[in-house]
PDB file of N, CA and C in Angstrom:
ATOM      1  N   MET A   1     -82.079  47.140  69.849  1.00  0.00           N
ATOM      2  CA  MET A   1     -80.700  46.399  70.599  1.00  0.00           C
ATOM      3  C   MET A   1     -81.048  45.031  70.827  1.00  0.00           C
ATOM      4  N   SER A   2     -80.374  44.391  70.536  1.00  0.00           N
ATOM      5  CA  SER A   2     -79.952  42.817  70.709  1.00  0.00           C
ATOM      6  C   SER A   2     -80.480  42.049  71.663  1.00  0.00           C
ATOM      7  N   LYS A   3     -80.864  41.071  71.778  1.00  0.00           N
ATOM      8  CA  LYS A   3     -82.050  40.406  73.009  1.00  0.00           C
ATOM      9  C   LYS A   3     -80.499  39.680  73.792  1.00  0.00           C
ATOM     10  N   ASP A   4     -79.471  38.975  72.867  1.00  0.00           N
ATOM     11  CA  ASP A   4     -78.676  38.760  73.751  1.00  0.00           C
ATOM     12  C   ASP A   4     -77.332  38.914  73.292  1.00  0.00           C
ATOM     13  N   ARG A   5     -76.584  39.253  74.991  1.00  0.00           N
ATOM     14  CA  ARG A   5     -75.689  40.138  74.764  1.00  0.00           C
ATOM     15  C   ARG A   5     -74.569  39.504  73.620  1.00  0.00           C
ATOM     16  N   ASN A   6     -74.830  37.934  73.581  1.00  0.00           N
ATOM     17  CA  ASN A   6     -73.625  37.671  72.898  1.00  0.00           C
ATOM     18  C   ASN A   6     -73.467  37.471  70.981  1.00  0.00           C
ATOM     19  N   ASP A   7     -74.938  38.215  70.137  1.00  0.00           N
ATOM     20  CA  ASP A   7     -75.445  38.242  69.054  1.00  0.00           C
ATOM     21  C   ASP A   7     -74.115  39.151  68.088  1.00  0.00           C
ATOM     22  N   ALA A   8     -73.260  39.959  68.905  1.00  0.00           N
ATOM     23  CA  ALA A   8     -72.526  40.424  68.083  1.00  0.00           C
ATOM     24  C   ALA A   8     -70.929  39.279  67.930  1.00  0.00           C
ATOM     25  N   LEU A   9     -71.096  38.694  69.507  1.00  0.00           N
ATOM     26  CA  LEU A   9     -69.847  37.599  69.053  1.00  0.00           C
ATOM     27  C   LEU A   9     -70.626  36.174  68.274  1.00  0.00           C
ATOM     28  N   LYS A  10     -71.455  35.986  68.434  1.00  0.00           N
ATOM     29  CA  LYS A  10     -71.615  35.465  67.542  1.00  0.00           C
ATOM     30  C   LYS A  10     -71.751  35.594  66.042  1.00  0.00           C
ATOM     31  N   LEU A  11     -72.428  36.622  65.584  1.00  0.00           N
ATOM     32  CA  LEU A  11     -72.351  37.577  64.448  1.00  0.00           C
ATOM     33  C   LEU A  11     -70.494  37.443  63.877  1.00  0.00           C
ATOM     34  N   LEU A  12     -69.390  38.176  64.107  1.00  0.00           N
ATOM     35  CA  LEU A  12     -68.335  38.101  64.175  1.00  0.00           C
ATOM     36  C   LEU A  12     -67.805  36.333  64.114  1.00  0.00           C
ATOM     37  N   VAL A  13     -67.782  35.577  64.631  1.00  0.00           N
ATOM     38  CA  VAL A  13     -67.178  33.850  65.003  1.00  0.00           C
ATOM     39  C   VAL A  13     -68.062  33.503  63.834  1.00  0.00           C
ATOM     40  N   ASP A  14     -69.256  33.594  63.224  1.00  0.00           N
ATOM     41  CA  ASP A  14     -69.897  32.598  62.775  1.00  0.00           C
ATOM     42  C   ASP A  14     -70.176  33.315  61.546  1.00  0.00           C
ATOM     43  N   GLU A  15     -69.732  34.270  60.937  1.00  0.00           N
ATOM     44  CA  GLU A  15     -70.334  34.749  59.866  1.00  0.00           C
ATOM     45  C   GLU A  15     -69.611  35.472  59.056  1.00  0.00           C
ATOM     46  N   LEU A  16     -68.022  36.901  59.976  1.00  0.00           N
ATOM     47  CA  LEU A  16     -67.370  37.475  59.446  1.00  0.00           C
ATOM     48  C   LEU A  16     -65.878  36.394  59.443  1.00  0.00           C
ATOM     49  N   LEU A  17     -65.738  35.695  60.637  1.00  0.00           N
ATOM     50  CA  LEU A  17     -64.271  35.451  61.039  1.00  0.00           C
ATOM     51  C   LEU A  17     -63.856  34.842  59.438  1.00  0.00           C
ATOM     52  N   PRO A  18     -64.790  33.817  59.246  1.00  0.00           N
ATOM     53  CA  PRO A  18     -64.266  32.738  58.212  1.00  0.00           C
ATOM     54  C   PRO A  18     -63.963  33.444  56.717  1.00  0.00           C
ATOM     55  N   TYR A  19     -64.561  34.497  56.643  1.00  0.00           N
ATOM     56  CA  TYR A  19     -64.134  35.534  55.265  1.00  0.00           C
ATOM     57  C   TYR A  19     -62.653  36.025  55.960  1.00  0.00           C
ATOM     58  N   PHE A  20     -62.324  36.615  56.958  1.00  0.00           N
ATOM     59  CA  PHE A  20     -61.094  36.937  57.079  1.00  0.00           C
ATOM     60  C   PHE A  20     -59.780  36.033  56.985  1.00  0.00           C
ATOM     61  N   GLN A  21     -60.422  34.295  57.557  1.00  0.00           N
ATOM     62  CA  GLN A  21     -59.292  33.332  57.385  1.00  0.00           C
ATOM     63  C   GLN A  21     -59.412  33.038  56.195  1.00  0.00           C
ATOM     64  N   ALA A  22     -60.531  33.153  55.284  1.00  0.00           N
ATOM     65  CA  ALA A  22     -60.202  32.810  53.860  1.00  0.00           C
ATOM     66  C   ALA A  22     -58.946  33.216  52.651  1.00  0.00           C
ATOM     67  N   ASP A  23     -58.514  34.439  53.488  1.00  0.00           N
ATOM     68  CA  ASP A  23     -57.601  35.507  52.785  1.00  0.00           C
ATOM     69  C   ASP A  23     -55.959  35.375  53.445  1.00  0.00           C
ATOM     70  N   VAL A  24     -55.914  34.496  54.848  1.00  0.00           N
ATOM     71  CA  VAL A  24     -54.230  34.228  55.560  1.00  0.00           C
ATOM     72  C   VAL A  24     -54.053  32.440  55.139  1.00  0.00           C
ATOM     73  N   HIS A  25     -53.380  32.300  54.579  1.00  0.00           N
ATOM     74  CA  HIS A  25     -52.751  30.862  54.067  1.00  0.00           C
ATOM     75  C   HIS A  25     -51.867  30.533  55.041  1.00  0.00           C
ATOM     76  N   SER A  26     -51.910  29.151  55.381  1.00  0.00           N
ATOM     77  CA  SER A  26     -50.722  28.748  56.291  1.00  0.00           C
ATOM     78  C   SER A  26     -50.193  27.244  55.951  1.00  0.00           C
ATOM     79  N   HIS A  27     -51.116  26.295  55.375  1.00  0.00           N
ATOM     80  CA  HIS A  27     -50.184  25.229  54.503  1.00  0.00           C
ATOM     81  C   HIS A  27     -50.928  24.787  54.087  1.00  0.00           C
ATOM     82  N   MET A  28     -50.489  23.974  53.236  1.00  0.00           N
ATOM     83  CA  MET A  28     -51.427  23.090  51.943  1.00  0.00           C
ATOM     84  C   MET A  28     -50.353  22.091  51.357  1.00  0.00           C
ATOM     85  N   LYS A  29     -51.095  21.174  51.051  1.00  0.00           N
ATOM     86  CA  LYS A  29     -50.942  19.616  50.157  1.00  0.00           C
ATOM     87  C   LYS A  29     -50.793  19.971  48.504  1.00  0.00           C
ATOM     88  N   GLY A  30     -49.823  19.783  47.953  1.00  0.00           N
ATOM     89  CA  GLY A  30     -49.939  19.750  47.009  1.00  0.00           C
ATOM     90  C   GLY A  30     -48.914  19.140  45.940  1.00  0.00           C
ATOM     91  N   LYS A  31     -48.819  19.023  44.522  1.00  0.00           N
ATOM     92  CA  LYS A  31     -47.897  17.993  43.364  1.00  0.00           C
ATOM     93  C   LYS A  31     -46.854  18.987  42.628  1.00  0.00           C
ATOM     94  N   VAL A  32     -45.994  18.675  42.539  1.00  0.00           N
ATOM     95  CA  VAL A  32     -44.979  19.315  41.736  1.00  0.00           C
ATOM     96  C   VAL A  32     -45.180  19.312  41.086  1.00  0.00           C
ATOM     97  N   VAL A  33     -45.299  20.592  39.809  1.00  0.00           N
ATOM     98  CA  VAL A  33     -45.381  20.579  38.435  1.00  0.00           C
ATOM     99  C   VAL A  33     -44.481  20.884  37.748  1.00  0.00           C
ATOM    100  N   SER A  34     -43.777  21.945  38.189  1.00  0.00           N
ATOM    101  CA  SER A  34     -42.155  21.918  37.700  1.00  0.00           C
ATOM    102  C   SER A  34     -41.412  22.352  38.391  1.00  0.00           C
ATOM    103  N   ILE A  35     -39.748  22.535  37.904  1.00  0.00           N
ATOM    104  CA  ILE A  35     -38.894  22.830  39.074  1.00  0.00           C
ATOM    105  C   ILE A  35     -37.928  24.008  38.210  1.00  0.00           C
ATOM    106  N   LYS A  36     -37.691  24.511  38.848  1.00  0.00           N
ATOM    107  CA  LYS A  36     -36.656  25.467  38.286  1.00  0.00           C
ATOM    108  C   LYS A  36     -35.642  25.602  39.232  1.00  0.00           C
ATOM    109  N   SER A  37     -34.380  24.577  38.936  1.00  0.00           N
ATOM    110  CA  SER A  37     -33.068  24.274  39.530  1.00  0.00           C
ATOM    111  C   SER A  37     -32.371  25.799  39.427  1.00  0.00           C
ATOM    112  N   GLY A  38     -31.431  25.649  40.412  1.00  0.00           N
ATOM    113  CA  GLY A  38     -31.268  26.962  40.597  1.00  0.00           C
ATOM    114  C   GLY A  38     -30.344  27.543  42.430  1.00  0.00           C
ATOM    115  N   SER A  39     -29.616  27.960  42.378  1.00  0.00           N
ATOM    116  CA  SER A  39     -29.664  28.639  43.958  1.00  0.00           C
ATOM    117  C   SER A  39     -30.454  29.573  44.537  1.00  0.00           C
ATOM    118  N   PRO A  40     -31.380  29.411  45.367  1.00  0.00           N
ATOM    119  CA  PRO A  40     -32.546  28.641  45.851  1.00  0.00           C
ATOM    120  C   PRO A  40     -33.145  28.082  44.174  1.00  0.00           C
ATOM    121  N   MET A  41     -33.719  27.412  45.043  1.00  0.00           N
ATOM    122  CA  MET A  41     -34.455  26.283  43.564  1.00  0.00           C
ATOM    123  C   MET A  41     -35.820  26.551  43.867  1.00  0.00           C
ATOM    124  N   TYR A  42     -36.285  26.739  43.103  1.00  0.00           N
ATOM    125  CA  TYR A  42     -38.004  26.873  43.155  1.00  0.00           C
ATOM    126  C   TYR A  42     -38.704  26.053  42.322  1.00  0.00           C
ATOM    127  N   ALA A  43     -40.020  25.762  42.591  1.00  0.00           N
ATOM    128  CA  ALA A  43     -40.886  24.719  41.711  1.00  0.00           C
ATOM    129  C   ALA A  43     -42.455  24.907  42.050  1.00  0.00           C
ATOM    130  N   ASP A  44     -43.032  24.855  40.748  1.00  0.00           N
ATOM    131  CA  ASP A  44     -44.898  25.197  40.796  1.00  0.00           C
ATOM    132  C   ASP A  44     -45.609  24.096  41.229  1.00  0.00           C
ATOM    133  N   VAL A  45     -46.628  24.307  42.153  1.00  0.00           N
ATOM    134  CA  VAL A  45     -46.989  23.235  42.830  1.00  0.00           C
ATOM    135  C   VAL A  45     -48.444  23.569  43.010  1.00  0.00           C
ATOM    136  N   GLN A  46     -49.137  22.377  42.438  1.00  0.00           N
ATOM    137  CA  GLN A  46     -50.662  22.333  42.301  1.00  0.00           C
ATOM    138  C   GLN A  46     -51.233  22.143  43.265  1.00  0.00           C
ATOM    139  N   PRO A  47     -52.133  22.616  43.845  1.00  0.00           N
ATOM    140  CA  PRO A  47     -52.360  22.196  45.369  1.00  0.00           C
ATOM    141  C   PRO A  47     -54.031  21.194  44.957  1.00  0.00           C
ATOM    142  N   LEU A  48     -53.495  20.219  45.941  1.00  0.00           N
ATOM    143  CA  LEU A  48     -54.616  18.964  45.865  1.00  0.00           C
ATOM    144  C   LEU A  48     -55.761  19.291  46.303  1.00  0.00           C
ATOM    145  N   PRO A  49     -56.001  20.254  47.450  1.00  0.00           N
ATOM    146  CA  PRO A  49     -57.703  20.371  47.415  1.00  0.00           C
ATOM    147  C   PRO A  49     -58.224  21.324  46.906  1.00  0.00           C
ATOM    148  N   GLU A  50     -59.447  20.768  46.398  1.00  0.00           N
ATOM    149  CA  GLU A  50     -60.343  21.335  45.592  1.00  0.00           C
ATOM    150  C   GLU A  50     -60.917  22.234  46.336  1.00  0.00           C
ATOM    151  N   GLN A  51     -61.385  23.564  45.637  1.00  0.00           N
ATOM    152  CA  GLN A  51     -62.304  24.223  45.965  1.00  0.00           C
ATOM    153  C   GLN A  51     -63.425  24.297  46.768  1.00  0.00           C
ATOM    154  N   SER A  52     -64.370  25.121  47.561  1.00  0.00           N
ATOM    155  CA  SER A  52     -65.777  24.258  47.677  1.00  0.00           C
ATOM    156  C   SER A  52     -66.322  24.199  46.770  1.00  0.00           C
ATOM    157  N   ASP A  53     -66.259  24.562  45.606  1.00  0.00           N
ATOM    158  CA  ASP A  53     -67.455  24.274  44.207  1.00  0.00           C
ATOM    159  C   ASP A  53     -66.895  23.470  43.469  1.00  0.00           C
ATOM    160  N   GLY A  54     -65.732  22.553  43.737  1.00  0.00           N
ATOM    161  CA  GLY A  54     -65.504  21.514  43.171  1.00  0.00           C
ATOM    162  C   GLY A  54     -64.026  21.683  42.200  1.00  0.00           C
ATOM    163  N   GLU A  55     -64.110  22.948  41.520  1.00  0.00           N
ATOM    164  CA  GLU A  55     -62.985  23.209  41.155  1.00  0.00           C
ATOM    165  C   GLU A  55     -61.642  23.447  41.381  1.00  0.00           C
ATOM    166  N   ILE A  56     -60.364  23.231  40.386  1.00  0.00           N
ATOM    167  CA  ILE A  56     -59.206  22.947  40.719  1.00  0.00           C
ATOM    168  C   ILE A  56     -58.414  24.123  41.229  1.00  0.00           C
ATOM    169  N   ARG A  57     -57.788  24.348  42.322  1.00  0.00           N
ATOM    170  CA  ARG A  57     -57.059  25.411  42.511  1.00  0.00           C
ATOM    171  C   ARG A  57     -56.357  25.975  41.698  1.00  0.00           C
ATOM    172  N   ALA A  58     -56.070  27.299  41.354  1.00  0.00           N
ATOM    173  CA  ALA A  58     -54.677  28.012  40.344  1.00  0.00           C
ATOM    174  C   ALA A  58     -53.261  27.400  41.410  1.00  0.00           C
ATOM    175  N   ILE A  59     -52.460  27.082  40.363  1.00  0.00           N
ATOM    176  CA  ILE A  59     -51.154  26.715  40.874  1.00  0.00           C
ATOM    177  C   ILE A  59     -50.059  27.998  41.530  1.00  0.00           C
ATOM    178  N   TYR A  60     -49.548  27.412  42.539  1.00  0.00           N
ATOM    179  CA  TYR A  60     -48.673  27.999  43.321  1.00  0.00           C
ATOM    180  C   TYR A  60     -47.371  28.062  42.710  1.00  0.00           C
ATOM    181  N   GLY A  61     -47.352  29.383  41.769  1.00  0.00           N
ATOM    182  CA  GLY A  61     -46.168  29.502  41.243  1.00  0.00           C
ATOM    183  C   GLY A  61     -44.421  29.806  42.282  1.00  0.00           C
ATOM    184  N   ASN A  62     -43.638  29.643  41.776  1.00  0.00           N
ATOM    185  CA  ASN A  62     -42.148  29.812  42.226  1.00  0.00           C
ATOM    186  C   ASN A  62     -42.027  29.983  43.956  1.00  0.00           C
ATOM    187  N   CYS A  63     -42.481  28.525  44.295  1.00  0.00           N
ATOM    188  CA  CYS A  63     -42.651  28.139  45.554  1.00  0.00           C
ATOM    189  C   CYS A  63     -40.938  27.953  45.859  1.00  0.00           C
ATOM    190  N   LEU A  64     -40.457  28.125  46.876  1.00  0.00           N
ATOM    191  CA  LEU A  64     -39.066  28.798  47.487  1.00  0.00           C
ATOM    192  C   LEU A  64     -39.303  26.986  48.305  1.00  0.00           C
ATOM    193  N   VAL A  65     -37.907  26.023  47.824  1.00  0.00           N
ATOM    194  CA  VAL A  65     -37.259  24.355  47.765  1.00  0.00           C
ATOM    195  C   VAL A  65     -36.759  24.732  49.215  1.00  0.00           C
ATOM    196  N   LEU A  66     -36.522  24.606  50.529  1.00  0.00           N
ATOM    197  CA  LEU A  66     -35.642  24.033  51.206  1.00  0.00           C
ATOM    198  C   LEU A  66     -35.241  23.120  50.793  1.00  0.00           C
ATOM    199  N   ALA A  67     -33.578  22.906  51.264  1.00  0.00           N
ATOM    200  CA  ALA A  67     -32.500  21.923  50.937  1.00  0.00           C
ATOM    201  C   ALA A  67     -33.393  20.319  51.154  1.00  0.00           C
ATOM    202  N   SER A  68     -33.544  20.979  52.586  1.00  0.00           N
ATOM    203  CA  SER A  68     -34.125  19.405  52.666  1.00  0.00           C
ATOM    204  C   SER A  68     -35.117  18.347  52.137  1.00  0.00           C
ATOM    205  N   ALA A  69     -35.876  19.564  51.452  1.00  0.00           N
ATOM    206  CA  ALA A  69     -36.778  19.383  50.586  1.00  0.00           C
ATOM    207  C   ALA A  69     -36.533  19.038  49.001  1.00  0.00           C
ATOM    208  N   ALA A  70     -35.219  19.764  48.674  1.00  0.00           N
ATOM    209  CA  ALA A  70     -34.709  19.552  47.392  1.00  0.00           C
ATOM    210  C   ALA A  70     -34.568  18.304  46.989  1.00  0.00           C
ATOM    211  N   GLU A  71     -33.780  17.450  48.414  1.00  0.00           N
ATOM    212  CA  GLU A  71     -32.959  16.067  48.271  1.00  0.00           C
ATOM    213  C   GLU A  71     -33.202  15.630  49.597  1.00  0.00           C
ATOM    214  N   TYR A  72     -34.188  14.516  49.552  1.00  0.00           N
ATOM    215  CA  TYR A  72     -34.467  13.824  50.608  1.00  0.00           C
ATOM    216  C   TYR A  72     -34.112  12.339  50.644  1.00  0.00           C
ATOM    217  N   LEU A  73     -34.482  11.707  51.665  1.00  0.00           N
ATOM    218  CA  LEU A  73     -34.524  10.261  51.385  1.00  0.00           C
ATOM    219  C   LEU A  73     -35.512   9.243  51.234  1.00  0.00           C
ATOM    220  N   LYS A  74     -35.395   8.802  50.149  1.00  0.00           N
ATOM    221  CA  LYS A  74     -36.511   7.541  50.323  1.00  0.00           C
ATOM    222  C   LYS A  74     -35.901   6.528  50.005  1.00  0.00           C
ATOM    223  N   ASP A  75     -36.700   5.764  50.900  1.00  0.00           N
ATOM    224  CA  ASP A  75     -36.132   4.337  51.456  1.00  0.00           C
ATOM    225  C   ASP A  75     -34.801   3.888  51.331  1.00  0.00           C
ATOM    226  N   GLY A  76     -34.370   5.202  52.327  1.00  0.00           N
ATOM    227  CA  GLY A  76     -32.970   5.365  52.908  1.00  0.00           C
ATOM    228  C   GLY A  76     -32.545   5.886  51.380  1.00  0.00           C
ATOM    229  N   LYS A  77     -32.837   5.781  50.814  1.00  0.00           N
ATOM    230  CA  LYS A  77     -31.687   6.730  49.356  1.00  0.00           C
ATOM    231  C   LYS A  77     -31.889   7.915  49.292  1.00  0.00           C
ATOM    232  N   PRO A  78     -30.897   8.910  49.330  1.00  0.00           N
ATOM    233  CA  PRO A  78     -30.761  10.062  48.497  1.00  0.00           C
ATOM    234  C   PRO A  78     -31.655  10.556  47.446  1.00  0.00           C
ATOM    235  N   THR A  79     -32.624  11.453  47.176  1.00  0.00           N
ATOM    236  CA  THR A  79     -33.309  11.467  45.983  1.00  0.00           C
ATOM    237  C   THR A  79     -33.777  12.962  46.181  1.00  0.00           C
ATOM    238  N   LYS A  80     -33.768  13.105  44.865  1.00  0.00           N
ATOM    239  CA  LYS A  80     -34.334  14.501  44.038  1.00  0.00           C
ATOM    240  C   LYS A  80     -35.398  15.029  43.951  1.00  0.00           C
ATOM    241  N   LEU A  81     -35.891  16.045  44.533  1.00  0.00           N
ATOM    242  CA  LEU A  81     -37.225  16.527  44.257  1.00  0.00           C
ATOM    243  C   LEU A  81     -37.740  16.109  42.977  1.00  0.00           C
ATOM    244  N   LYS A  82     -38.313  15.964  42.556  1.00  0.00           N
ATOM    245  CA  LYS A  82     -38.975  15.909  40.989  1.00  0.00           C
ATOM    246  C   LYS A  82     -40.463  16.041  40.423  1.00  0.00           C
ATOM    247  N   ARG A  83     -41.034  16.507  39.951  1.00  0.00           N
ATOM    248  CA  ARG A  83     -42.317  16.615  38.850  1.00  0.00           C
ATOM    249  C   ARG A  83     -43.024  15.565  39.750  1.00  0.00           C
ATOM    250  N   GLY A  84     -44.211  15.276  40.474  1.00  0.00           N
ATOM    251  CA  GLY A  84     -45.266  14.737  40.605  1.00  0.00           C
ATOM    252  C   GLY A  84     -44.874  14.099  41.758  1.00  0.00           C
ATOM    253  N   ASP A  85     -43.794  14.657  42.609  1.00  0.00           N
ATOM    254  CA  ASP A  85     -44.265  14.399  44.340  1.00  0.00           C
ATOM    255  C   ASP A  85     -44.395  15.183  45.019  1.00  0.00           C
ATOM    256  N   ILE A  86     -45.518  14.413  45.750  1.00  0.00           N
ATOM    257  CA  ILE A  86     -46.492  15.529  46.888  1.00  0.00           C
ATOM    258  C   ILE A  86     -46.007  16.213  47.723  1.00  0.00           C
ATOM    259  N   VAL A  87     -45.892  17.267  48.278  1.00  0.00           N
ATOM    260  CA  VAL A  87     -45.132  18.346  49.138  1.00  0.00           C
ATOM    261  C   VAL A  87     -45.889  19.081  49.987  1.00  0.00           C
ATOM    262  N   GLU A  88     -45.805  19.255  50.906  1.00  0.00           N
ATOM    263  CA  GLU A  88     -46.235  20.111  51.903  1.00  0.00           C
ATOM    264  C   GLU A  88     -45.471  21.509  51.697  1.00  0.00           C
ATOM    265  N   VAL A  89     -46.746  22.826  52.003  1.00  0.00           N
ATOM    266  CA  VAL A  89     -46.169  24.084  51.064  1.00  0.00           C
ATOM    267  C   VAL A  89     -46.882  24.861  52.334  1.00  0.00           C
ATOM    268  N   ALA A  90     -45.695  25.736  52.862  1.00  0.00           N
ATOM    269  CA  ALA A  90     -46.366  26.473  53.809  1.00  0.00           C
ATOM    270  C   ALA A  90     -45.619  27.835  53.049  1.00  0.00           C
ATOM    271  N   PHE A  91     -46.471  29.182  53.784  1.00  0.00           N
ATOM    272  CA  PHE A  91     -46.954  30.267  53.221  1.00  0.00           C
ATOM    273  C   PHE A  91     -46.396  31.343  54.256  1.00  0.00           C
ATOM    274  N   ASP A  92     -44.934  31.796  53.570  1.00  0.00           N
ATOM    275  CA  ASP A  92     -44.591  32.883  54.656  1.00  0.00           C
ATOM    276  C   ASP A  92     -44.903  34.069  55.398  1.00  0.00           C
ATOM    277  N   ASP A  93     -44.966  34.352  56.465  1.00  0.00           N
ATOM    278  CA  ASP A  93     -45.194  35.770  57.244  1.00  0.00           C
ATOM    279  C   ASP A  93     -45.385  36.796  56.387  1.00  0.00           C
ATOM    280  N   ARG A  94     -44.420  37.356  55.707  1.00  0.00           N
ATOM    281  CA  ARG A  94     -44.009  38.757  54.652  1.00  0.00           C
ATOM    282  C   ARG A  94     -43.945  38.207  52.999  1.00  0.00           C
ATOM    283  N   ASP A  95     -43.905  38.918  52.602  1.00  0.00           N
ATOM    284  CA  ASP A  95     -43.366  38.523  51.024  1.00  0.00           C
ATOM    285  C   ASP A  95     -41.885  38.325  50.642  1.00  0.00           C
ATOM    286  N   GLN A  96     -42.083  37.998  49.747  1.00  0.00           N
ATOM    287  CA  GLN A  96     -40.110  37.133  49.819  1.00  0.00           C
ATOM    288  C   GLN A  96     -39.956  37.474  48.397  1.00  0.00           C
ATOM    289  N   ASP A  97     -40.414  38.742  47.478  1.00  0.00           N
ATOM    290  CA  ASP A  97     -40.564  39.149  46.215  1.00  0.00           C
ATOM    291  C   ASP A  97     -38.501  39.125  46.503  1.00  0.00           C
ATOM    292  N   ASN A  98     -38.148  40.375  47.799  1.00  0.00           N
ATOM    293  CA  ASN A  98     -36.553  40.622  47.220  1.00  0.00           C
ATOM    294  C   ASN A  98     -36.116  39.645  47.850  1.00  0.00           C
ATOM    295  N   PHE A  99     -35.901  38.390  48.114  1.00  0.00           N
ATOM    296  CA  PHE A  99     -35.125  37.146  48.954  1.00  0.00           C
ATOM    297  C   PHE A  99     -34.488  36.695  47.656  1.00  0.00           C
ATOM    298  N   ASP A 100     -33.094  36.976  47.903  1.00  0.00           N
ATOM    299  CA  ASP A 100     -32.279  36.213  47.362  1.00  0.00           C
ATOM    300  C   ASP A 100     -31.284  34.830  47.442  1.00  0.00           C
ATOM    301  N   GLY A 101     -32.178  34.303  48.433  1.00  0.00           N
ATOM    302  CA  GLY A 101     -31.597  33.292  49.221  1.00  0.00           C
ATOM    303  C   GLY A 101     -29.943  33.145  49.817  1.00  0.00           C
ATOM    304  N   GLY A 102     -29.621  34.660  50.155  1.00  0.00           N
ATOM    305  CA  GLY A 102     -28.361  35.160  50.872  1.00  0.00           C
ATOM    306  C   GLY A 102     -28.367  35.098  51.965  1.00  0.00           C
ATOM    307  N   SER A 103     -27.601  34.679  52.751  1.00  0.00           N
ATOM    308  CA  SER A 103     -28.015  35.086  53.912  1.00  0.00           C
ATOM    309  C   SER A 103     -28.093  35.914  55.299  1.00  0.00           C
ATOM    310  N   GLY A 104     -28.629  37.253  54.245  1.00  0.00           N
ATOM    311  CA  GLY A 104     -28.780  38.699  54.690  1.00  0.00           C
ATOM    312  C   GLY A 104     -30.250  39.010  54.760  1.00  0.00           C
ATOM    313  N   SER A 105     -30.340  40.230  55.468  1.00  0.00           N
ATOM    314  CA  SER A 105     -31.753  40.604  55.121  1.00  0.00           C
ATOM    315  C   SER A 105     -31.952  41.199  54.164  1.00  0.00           C
ATOM    316  N   TYR A 106     -33.118  41.524  53.636  1.00  0.00           N
ATOM    317  CA  TYR A 106     -33.883  41.658  52.810  1.00  0.00           C
ATOM    318  C   TYR A 106     -34.751  42.384  53.102  1.00  0.00           C
ATOM    319  N   SER A 107     -35.193  43.495  52.302  1.00  0.00           N
ATOM    320  CA  SER A 107     -36.574  44.432  52.338  1.00  0.00           C
ATOM    321  C   SER A 107     -37.664  44.021  51.581  1.00  0.00           C
ATOM    322  N   LEU A 108     -38.931  44.250  52.292  1.00  0.00           N
ATOM    323  CA  LEU A 108     -40.331  43.984  52.238  1.00  0.00           C
ATOM    324  C   LEU A 108     -40.455  44.764  50.867  1.00  0.00           C
ATOM    325  N   ALA A 109     -41.141  43.673  49.857  1.00  0.00           N
ATOM    326  CA  ALA A 109     -41.644  45.042  48.748  1.00  0.00           C
ATOM    327  C   ALA A 109     -43.167  45.310  48.849  1.00  0.00           C
ATOM    328  N   SER A 110     -43.686  44.814  49.267  1.00  0.00           N
ATOM    329  CA  SER A 110     -44.959  44.976  49.784  1.00  0.00           C
ATOM    330  C   SER A 110     -45.614  44.984  51.419  1.00  0.00           C
ATOM    331  N   ARG A 111     -47.025  45.231  51.563  1.00  0.00           N
ATOM    332  CA  ARG A 111     -47.488  44.520  52.998  1.00  0.00           C
ATOM    333  C   ARG A 111     -47.891  43.502  53.084  1.00  0.00           C
ATOM    334  N   ARG A 112     -47.750  42.754  51.856  1.00  0.00           N
ATOM    335  CA  ARG A 112     -48.665  41.428  51.550  1.00  0.00           C
ATOM    336  C   ARG A 112     -48.222  40.927  52.474  1.00  0.00           C
ATOM    337  N   MET A 113     -48.997  39.484  53.385  1.00  0.00           N
ATOM    338  CA  MET A 113     -48.563  38.827  54.625  1.00  0.00           C
ATOM    339  C   MET A 113     -49.389  37.442  53.979  1.00  0.00           C
ATOM    340  N   HIS A 114     -48.796  36.611  54.342  1.00  0.00           N
ATOM    341  CA  HIS A 114     -49.181  34.574  54.175  1.00  0.00           C
ATOM    342  C   HIS A 114     -50.284  34.495  53.261  1.00  0.00           C
ATOM    343  N   SER A 115     -49.492  34.967  51.865  1.00  0.00           N
ATOM    344  CA  SER A 115     -50.328  34.689  50.664  1.00  0.00           C
ATOM    345  C   SER A 115     -49.682  33.910  49.929  1.00  0.00           C
ATOM    346  N   GLU A 116     -50.530  33.227  49.227  1.00  0.00           N
ATOM    347  CA  GLU A 116     -50.241  31.821  48.111  1.00  0.00           C
ATOM    348  C   GLU A 116     -49.021  32.678  47.372  1.00  0.00           C
ATOM    349  N   ASN A 117     -48.536  34.064  47.000  1.00  0.00           N
ATOM    350  CA  ASN A 117     -47.632  34.216  46.345  1.00  0.00           C
ATOM    351  C   ASN A 117     -46.372  34.293  47.195  1.00  0.00           C
ATOM    352  N   ASP A 118     -46.124  33.413  47.911  1.00  0.00           N
ATOM    353  CA  ASP A 118     -44.787  33.094  48.970  1.00  0.00           C
ATOM    354  C   ASP A 118     -44.655  32.137  49.292  1.00  0.00           C
ATOM    355  N   GLY A 119     -45.240  31.015  48.681  1.00  0.00           N
ATOM    356  CA  GLY A 119     -45.237  29.248  49.288  1.00  0.00           C
ATOM    357  C   GLY A 119     -44.135  29.000  49.252  1.00  0.00           C
ATOM    358  N   ILE A 120     -43.055  27.710  50.502  1.00  0.00           N
ATOM    359  CA  ILE A 120     -42.147  27.383  50.379  1.00  0.00           C
ATOM    360  C   ILE A 120     -42.357  25.835  50.803  1.00  0.00           C
ATOM    361  N   ILE A 121     -42.074  25.191  50.092  1.00  0.00           N
ATOM    362  CA  ILE A 121     -42.094  23.646  49.931  1.00  0.00           C
ATOM    363  C   ILE A 121     -41.038  23.080  51.038  1.00  0.00           C
ATOM    364  N   MET A 122     -41.895  22.879  52.334  1.00  0.00           N
ATOM    365  CA  MET A 122     -41.488  22.226  53.284  1.00  0.00           C
ATOM    366  C   MET A 122     -40.614  20.954  53.188  1.00  0.00           C
ATOM    367  N   GLY A 123     -41.532  20.263  52.785  1.00  0.00           N
ATOM    368  CA  GLY A 123     -41.075  18.902  52.670  1.00  0.00           C
ATOM    369  C   GLY A 123     -41.963  17.982  51.833  1.00  0.00           C
ATOM    370  N   VAL A 124     -41.227  16.347  51.372  1.00  0.00           N
ATOM    371  CA  VAL A 124     -41.988  15.660  50.435  1.00  0.00           C
ATOM    372  C   VAL A 124     -42.531  14.944  51.058  1.00  0.00           C
ATOM    373  N   ILE A 125     -44.015  14.686  51.116  1.00  0.00           N
ATOM    374  CA  ILE A 125     -44.901  13.722  51.376  1.00  0.00           C
ATOM    375  C   ILE A 125     -44.684  12.163  50.974  1.00  0.00           C
ATOM    376  N   ARG A 126     -44.167  11.792  49.521  1.00  0.00           N
ATOM    377  CA  ARG A 126     -44.296  10.827  48.874  1.00  0.00           C
ATOM    378  C   ARG A 126     -43.948  11.231  47.621  1.00  0.00           C
TER     379      ARG A 126
END
């Protein structure tokens, strides 16, 4: 039996929680490496933070581009999203596989949540 009543909580918070958090994605900065024009527009993004071992992260493919990021203001002038732009990517709560850009509801293709497969370019940083 544990001497300290908080040992179980300490184990959960210090040891187990980081493993759970590592698989939940919310936001990340990245560089646009390619753009697929259309409606909706999609782009591939190279994450900027390195992994803990110094390796480069895998590219986020087919990130949905918000209209406000597809064309943004730079020095007061409208500018189209381009290769090399630094962007903020968020990850949808649910899978986007069946989303077609329409205004209606769509069915989920999986139980996937907060995944790197469901990136959304929220805006351009520079």
